Amino acid sequence: MAKAVSPDNVEVPPGLFVKTARRRSKVFTTVECQTKLQTFIATIDDLLSCVSVSEKAFSVAKRFKMHRNNLEP
């Protein structure tokens, strides 16, 4: 999950800081914004979109793996 949202950490506007890290089985994201509230809201929206897509992808991969394991002899 941390890697899925980490590309947002690479290029951010001046006055914005985003860092995502994994600690054991949890993912933490720190967002610091010294610009407009609109920039902060857009950043959080992007982050949540990435998290949502990642969760869906992991869910599909898990179901696929379970299905494939049930088909193997």
C-alpha atoms as a PDB file:
ATOM      1  CA  MET A   1       0.000   0.000   0.000  1.00  0.00           C
ATOM      2  CA  ALA A   2       2.782   2.417   0.890  1.00  0.00           C
ATOM      3  CA  LYS A   3       4.424   1.930  -2.505  1.00  0.00           C
ATOM      4  CA  ALA A   4       1.122   2.454  -4.282  1.00  0.00           C
ATOM      5  CA  VAL A   5       0.732   5.958  -2.891  1.00  0.00           C
ATOM      6  CA  SER A   6       4.426   6.864  -2.776  1.00  0.00           C
ATOM      7  CA  PRO A   7       4.653   8.280  -6.330  1.00  0.00           C
ATOM      8  CA  ASP A   8       2.767  11.294  -4.976  1.00  0.00           C
ATOM      9  CA  ASN A   9       5.792  11.931  -2.773  1.00  0.00           C
ATOM     10  CA  VAL A  10       8.096  12.621  -5.718  1.00  0.00           C
ATOM     11  CA  GLU A  11       6.835  15.907  -7.131  1.00  0.00           C
ATOM     12  CA  VAL A  12       4.741  18.201  -4.981  1.00  0.00           C
ATOM     13  CA  PRO A  13       4.172  21.948  -5.231  1.00  0.00           C
ATOM     14  CA  PRO A  14       6.238  24.296  -3.080  1.00  0.00           C
ATOM     15  CA  GLY A  15       4.834  24.547   0.441  1.00  0.00           C
ATOM     16  CA  LEU A  16       3.540  20.974   0.394  1.00  0.00           C
ATOM     17  CA  PHE A  17       5.186  17.934   1.954  1.00  0.00           C
ATOM     18  CA  VAL A  18       3.869  14.368   1.646  1.00  0.00           C
ATOM     19  CA  LYS A  19       5.604  11.335   3.112  1.00  0.00           C
ATOM     20  CA  THR A  20       4.241   7.798   3.230  1.00  0.00           C
ATOM     21  CA  ALA A  21       5.876   5.016   5.197  1.00  0.00           C
ATOM     22  CA  ARG A  22       5.076   1.488   6.286  1.00  0.00           C
ATOM     23  CA  ARG A  23       5.587   0.384   9.856  1.00  0.00           C
ATOM     24  CA  ARG A  24       4.964  -3.317  10.242  1.00  0.00           C
ATOM     25  CA  SER A  25       1.470  -3.931   8.863  1.00  0.00           C
ATOM     26  CA  LYS A  26       0.349  -0.282   8.926  1.00  0.00           C
ATOM     27  CA  VAL A  27       0.790   2.580   6.479  1.00  0.00           C
ATOM     28  CA  PHE A  28       1.214   6.152   7.685  1.00  0.00           C
ATOM     29  CA  THR A  29       1.085   9.304   5.598  1.00  0.00           C
ATOM     30  CA  THR A  30       2.163  12.720   6.797  1.00  0.00           C
ATOM     31  CA  VAL A  31       0.919  15.756   4.910  1.00  0.00           C
ATOM     32  CA  GLU A  32       2.164  19.244   5.694  1.00  0.00           C
ATOM     33  CA  CYS A  33       0.677  22.115   3.757  1.00  0.00           C
ATOM     34  CA  GLN A  34       1.774  25.726   4.052  1.00  0.00           C
ATOM     35  CA  THR A  35      -0.199  26.901   1.052  1.00  0.00           C
ATOM     36  CA  LYS A  36      -3.892  27.131   0.255  1.00  0.00           C
ATOM     37  CA  LEU A  37      -6.483  24.941   1.933  1.00  0.00           C
ATOM     38  CA  GLN A  38      -7.622  23.951  -1.575  1.00  0.00           C
ATOM     39  CA  THR A  39      -4.163  22.437  -2.215  1.00  0.00           C
ATOM     40  CA  PHE A  40      -4.386  20.436   1.017  1.00  0.00           C
ATOM     41  CA  ILE A  41      -7.870  19.149   0.167  1.00  0.00           C
ATOM     42  CA  ALA A  42      -6.807  18.169  -3.359  1.00  0.00           C
ATOM     43  CA  THR A  43      -3.778  16.328  -1.951  1.00  0.00           C
ATOM     44  CA  ILE A  44      -5.877  14.381   0.540  1.00  0.00           C
ATOM     45  CA  ASP A  45      -8.385  13.586  -2.220  1.00  0.00           C
ATOM     46  CA  ASP A  46      -5.593  12.241  -4.469  1.00  0.00           C
ATOM     47  CA  LEU A  47      -4.149  10.230  -1.615  1.00  0.00           C
ATOM     48  CA  LEU A  48      -7.493   8.653  -0.736  1.00  0.00           C
ATOM     49  CA  SER A  49      -8.098   7.814  -4.407  1.00  0.00           C
ATOM     50  CA  CYS A  50      -4.745   6.015  -4.567  1.00  0.00           C
ATOM     51  CA  VAL A  51      -5.504   4.133  -1.349  1.00  0.00           C
ATOM     52  CA  SER A  52      -8.923   3.099  -2.674  1.00  0.00           C
ATOM     53  CA  VAL A  53      -7.488   1.785  -5.942  1.00  0.00           C
ATOM     54  CA  SER A  54      -4.748  -0.073  -4.055  1.00  0.00           C
ATOM     55  CA  GLU A  55      -7.231  -1.714  -1.711  1.00  0.00           C
ATOM     56  CA  LYS A  56      -9.349  -2.859  -4.660  1.00  0.00           C
ATOM     57  CA  ALA A  57      -6.294  -4.217  -6.480  1.00  0.00           C
ATOM     58  CA  PHE A  58      -5.125  -6.125  -3.400  1.00  0.00           C
ATOM     59  CA  SER A  59      -8.606  -7.539  -2.930  1.00  0.00           C
ATOM     60  CA  VAL A  60      -8.782  -8.762  -6.531  1.00  0.00           C
ATOM     61  CA  ALA A  61      -5.285 -10.246  -6.312  1.00  0.00           C
ATOM     62  CA  LYS A  62      -6.172 -12.051  -3.090  1.00  0.00           C
ATOM     63  CA  ARG A  63      -9.376 -13.492  -4.593  1.00  0.00           C
ATOM     64  CA  PHE A  64      -7.479 -14.541  -7.724  1.00  0.00           C
ATOM     65  CA  LYS A  65      -4.808 -16.265  -5.652  1.00  0.00           C
ATOM     66  CA  MET A  66      -7.432 -18.074  -3.565  1.00  0.00           C
ATOM     67  CA  HIS A  67      -9.314 -19.121  -6.704  1.00  0.00           C
ATOM     68  CA  ARG A  68      -6.147 -20.310  -8.423  1.00  0.00           C
ATOM     69  CA  ASN A  69      -5.082 -22.303  -5.345  1.00  0.00           C
ATOM     70  CA  ASN A  70      -8.464 -24.049  -5.265  1.00  0.00           C
ATOM     71  CA  LEU A  71      -8.050 -25.120  -8.903  1.00  0.00           C
ATOM     72  CA  GLU A  72      -4.590 -26.603  -8.476  1.00  0.00           C
ATOM     73  CA  PRO A  73      -4.382 -30.367  -7.749  1.00  0.00           C
END
